Structure formats: structure tokens, C-alpha cells
Protein backbone atom coordinates (compact mmCIF):
# COMPACT_ATOMS: atom_id res chain seq x y z
CA UNK A 1 -147.72 -42.98 -21.73
CA UNK A 2 -144.10 -42.84 -22.57
CA UNK A 3 -142.43 -40.41 -24.85
CA UNK A 4 -141.91 -43.15 -27.49
CA UNK A 5 -145.66 -43.84 -27.89
CA UNK A 6 -146.65 -40.17 -28.11
CA UNK A 7 -144.51 -39.58 -31.13
CA UNK A 8 -146.27 -42.30 -33.10
CA UNK A 9 -143.64 -44.93 -32.68
CA UNK A 10 -144.65 -48.39 -31.58
CA UNK A 11 -142.22 -51.01 -30.70
CA UNK A 12 -142.45 -54.20 -32.78
CA UNK A 13 -143.91 -57.13 -31.12
CA UNK A 14 -141.59 -59.79 -29.75
CA UNK A 15 -140.30 -62.14 -32.50
CA UNK A 16 -141.24 -59.91 -35.40
CA UNK A 17 -138.90 -57.89 -37.58
CA UNK A 18 -139.52 -54.33 -38.45
CA UNK A 19 -140.69 -53.95 -42.07
CA UNK A 20 -141.82 -57.55 -42.58
CA UNK A 21 -145.47 -57.51 -43.53
CA UNK A 22 -146.51 -60.80 -42.10
CA UNK A 23 -143.56 -62.76 -43.59
CA UNK A 24 -145.42 -63.50 -46.90
CA UNK A 25 -142.48 -62.27 -49.02
CA UNK A 26 -139.85 -64.50 -47.46
CA UNK A 27 -137.93 -66.48 -50.09
CA UNK A 28 -139.50 -64.59 -53.05
CA UNK A 29 -136.05 -63.48 -54.23
CA UNK A 30 -134.91 -67.07 -54.62
CA UNK A 31 -138.00 -67.96 -56.68
CA UNK A 32 -137.65 -64.86 -58.86
CA UNK A 33 -133.96 -65.61 -59.44
CA UNK A 34 -134.70 -69.27 -60.27
CA UNK A 35 -137.19 -68.12 -62.91
CA UNK A 36 -135.20 -65.28 -64.29
CA UNK A 37 -131.84 -67.14 -64.55
CA UNK A 38 -132.82 -69.34 -67.55
CA UNK A 39 -134.28 -66.32 -69.41
CA UNK A 40 -131.08 -64.37 -68.85
CA UNK A 41 -128.98 -67.28 -70.10
CA UNK A 42 -131.20 -67.67 -73.14
CA UNK A 43 -130.89 -63.96 -73.91
CA UNK A 44 -127.11 -64.06 -73.75
CA UNK A 45 -127.14 -67.15 -76.01
CA UNK A 46 -129.21 -65.30 -78.60
CA UNK A 47 -126.85 -62.33 -78.47
CA UNK A 48 -123.83 -64.62 -78.96
CA UNK A 49 -125.47 -66.32 -81.96
CA UNK A 50 -126.41 -62.92 -83.45
CA UNK A 51 -122.90 -61.50 -83.02
CA UNK A 52 -121.34 -64.60 -84.54
CA UNK A 53 -123.70 -64.56 -87.48
CA UNK A 54 -123.10 -60.87 -88.20
CA UNK A 55 -119.31 -61.40 -88.03
CA UNK A 56 -119.44 -64.43 -90.35
CA UNK A 57 -121.70 -62.60 -92.83
CA UNK A 58 -119.30 -59.67 -92.89
CA UNK A 59 -116.31 -61.96 -93.37
CA UNK A 60 -117.98 -63.67 -96.38
CA UNK A 61 -118.94 -60.29 -97.94
CA UNK A 62 -115.39 -58.96 -97.47
CA UNK A 63 -113.90 -62.14 -98.96
CA UNK A 64 -116.08 -61.91 -102.13
CA UNK A 65 -115.33 -58.16 -102.55
CA UNK A 66 -111.49 -58.65 -102.08
CA UNK A 67 -111.44 -61.70 -104.39
CA UNK A 68 -113.24 -59.81 -107.14
CA UNK A 69 -110.85 -56.88 -106.84
CA UNK A 70 -107.83 -59.14 -106.96
CA UNK A 71 -109.14 -61.11 -109.89
CA UNK A 72 -109.76 -57.92 -111.87
CA UNK A 73 -105.96 -57.42 -112.09
CA UNK A 74 -105.28 -60.89 -113.60
CA UNK A 75 -104.17 -61.35 -117.18
CA UNK A 76 -106.01 -64.52 -118.08
CA UNK A 77 -109.32 -66.04 -117.09
CA UNK A 78 -107.60 -69.05 -115.49
CA UNK A 79 -105.38 -66.76 -113.49
CA UNK A 80 -108.37 -64.66 -112.45
CA UNK A 81 -110.10 -67.77 -111.05
CA UNK A 82 -107.00 -68.94 -109.23
CA UNK A 83 -106.39 -65.50 -107.70
CA UNK A 84 -110.03 -65.14 -106.68
CA UNK A 85 -109.96 -68.51 -105.02
CA UNK A 86 -106.74 -67.91 -103.18
CA UNK A 87 -107.77 -64.42 -102.04
CA UNK A 88 -111.25 -65.59 -100.77
CA UNK A 89 -109.79 -68.53 -98.88
CA UNK A 90 -107.09 -66.35 -97.35
CA UNK A 91 -109.77 -63.91 -96.09
CA UNK A 92 -111.85 -66.73 -94.65
CA UNK A 93 -108.93 -68.62 -93.07
CA UNK A 94 -109.48 -67.20 -89.58
CA UNK A 95 -113.26 -67.17 -89.52
CA UNK A 96 -115.89 -69.75 -88.67
CA UNK A 97 -116.64 -70.79 -92.30
CA UNK A 98 -116.33 -74.37 -93.42
CA UNK A 99 -117.11 -75.98 -96.82
CA UNK A 100 -116.11 -72.85 -98.71
CA UNK A 101 -117.24 -72.78 -102.43
CA UNK A 102 -115.98 -69.98 -104.70
CA UNK A 103 -117.36 -69.34 -108.17
CA UNK A 104 -115.75 -66.75 -110.51
CA UNK A 105 -117.56 -65.44 -113.52
CA UNK A 106 -116.22 -63.12 -116.25
CA UNK A 107 -118.47 -61.07 -118.55
CA UNK A 108 -117.68 -58.65 -121.32
CA UNK A 109 -119.80 -55.61 -122.16
CA UNK A 110 -118.60 -55.02 -125.71
CA UNK A 111 -118.04 -57.04 -128.88
CA UNK A 112 -114.28 -56.38 -129.24
CA UNK A 113 -111.45 -57.66 -127.04
CA UNK A 114 -110.38 -55.15 -124.38
CA UNK A 115 -113.92 -53.74 -123.93
CA UNK A 116 -115.16 -53.15 -120.42
CA UNK A 117 -115.55 -56.40 -118.53
CA UNK A 118 -116.72 -57.52 -115.19
CA UNK A 119 -115.48 -60.07 -112.70
CA UNK A 120 -118.11 -61.54 -110.41
CA UNK A 121 -117.02 -63.69 -107.49
CA UNK A 122 -119.57 -65.61 -105.42
CA UNK A 123 -118.46 -67.01 -102.13
CA UNK A 124 -120.60 -69.40 -100.09
CA UNK A 125 -119.81 -71.30 -96.93
CA UNK A 126 -121.34 -72.99 -93.91
CA UNK A 127 -120.94 -71.57 -90.45
CA UNK A 128 -121.69 -72.90 -86.97
CA UNK A 129 -122.89 -70.05 -84.75
CA UNK A 130 -122.28 -72.15 -81.62
CA UNK A 131 -119.75 -74.97 -81.86
CA UNK A 132 -121.01 -78.17 -80.42
CA UNK A 133 -124.68 -77.53 -81.28
CA UNK A 134 -125.98 -79.00 -84.54
CA UNK A 135 -126.86 -75.57 -85.99
CA UNK A 136 -125.37 -74.56 -89.29
CA UNK A 137 -126.14 -71.67 -91.57
CA UNK A 138 -125.32 -71.23 -95.28
CA UNK A 139 -123.93 -67.83 -96.10
CA UNK A 140 -123.47 -66.43 -99.55
CA UNK A 141 -122.10 -63.14 -100.88
CA UNK A 142 -121.17 -61.70 -104.26
CA UNK A 143 -118.55 -59.27 -105.16
CA UNK A 144 -118.13 -57.44 -108.49
CA UNK A 145 -115.20 -55.57 -109.94
CA UNK A 146 -114.60 -53.99 -113.33
CA UNK A 147 -111.64 -55.46 -115.23
CA UNK A 148 -108.71 -53.07 -114.92
CA UNK A 149 -106.90 -53.35 -118.19
CA UNK A 150 -104.65 -50.36 -117.41
CA UNK A 151 -103.32 -52.00 -114.27
CA UNK A 152 -102.91 -55.34 -115.95
CA UNK A 153 -106.47 -56.62 -116.27
CA UNK A 154 -107.26 -59.53 -118.63
CA UNK A 155 -108.64 -59.24 -122.11
CA UNK A 156 -111.75 -61.31 -122.62
CA UNK A 157 -111.99 -63.30 -125.87
CA UNK A 158 -114.78 -62.34 -128.31
CA UNK A 159 -117.66 -64.70 -128.36
CA UNK A 160 -118.22 -66.12 -131.88
């Protein structure tokens, strides 16, 4: 006996690598990668769609809120609608929204002119989470602001 065999060490047989258990695992990494790659790509695609959707939803909500605040400083209902429309479109100019529709509503809470009133702006648009795919989503947000008559806000006419 040699010193190498007394210590529990056996030389591998000729043509065999150390650590290979019969060669049954050869090529398994390639198969695992081929199966995992589409799942990884799908996961990244879902994350991209989610991030784009959250960003678009935030943009629409901000546009509605800013448009309502700007319209609350107008002096006439027509001016309030025009200001709300311009403000909302300016906020959505750099986003992914298309087919933007803006509706401005004015309500009074009292019977006399100058009573507390409310401007409600509803912004809706279509967004494409992934350009090139046929997916579209309709997003809608509403913003409210109290008419600010001390900073210039409009006076609503009394309903007959």
C-alpha cells in the first residue's frame, strides 16, 4: 500500500473527472437556463407594465388636481373651463396619455352669489403600457378645489 491509499484517497479512474457522479448532470445548466429565460423575460415585462401604469395613473391624478386648483382662481365659468383644460393638457404633455378628455364642473353650496363653491375636474385618457403592443388602458382621475373668491375666484350665478 502506498501512502495515498492509506489516507482514504483514491485516484480517479482513467477518463473520469473528480466530482462527476456518473455524468448524469452534464448539460443540465443549459436546460435550466433555456427554461428559466422566458420566465425571467416575462417577469421583467410585467414589472415594466406595472411601472408604466403607476406612472401614468399618477400623472393623470396630478393633472386633475392641478387643473382644479388653477380653475378655482378663475373669474368666470368659461375661464375656469379653459384654464382647467390648458393646465391638465400641459401636465399630460410629456406622459404616455392619448385621447385626453377633460370635464370641468362647478357647484355652489349656498343660495346667494359668492357662497362657497366647488370646482371638480375629471381627466380621462388612454395609455399604452407597452408601445407596439395592442394593449390600452383607460385612466380616470378627479380633482376638487374650493372656489377661492379672495384670490380671484369666480362667483357662481344663483339658480332660479
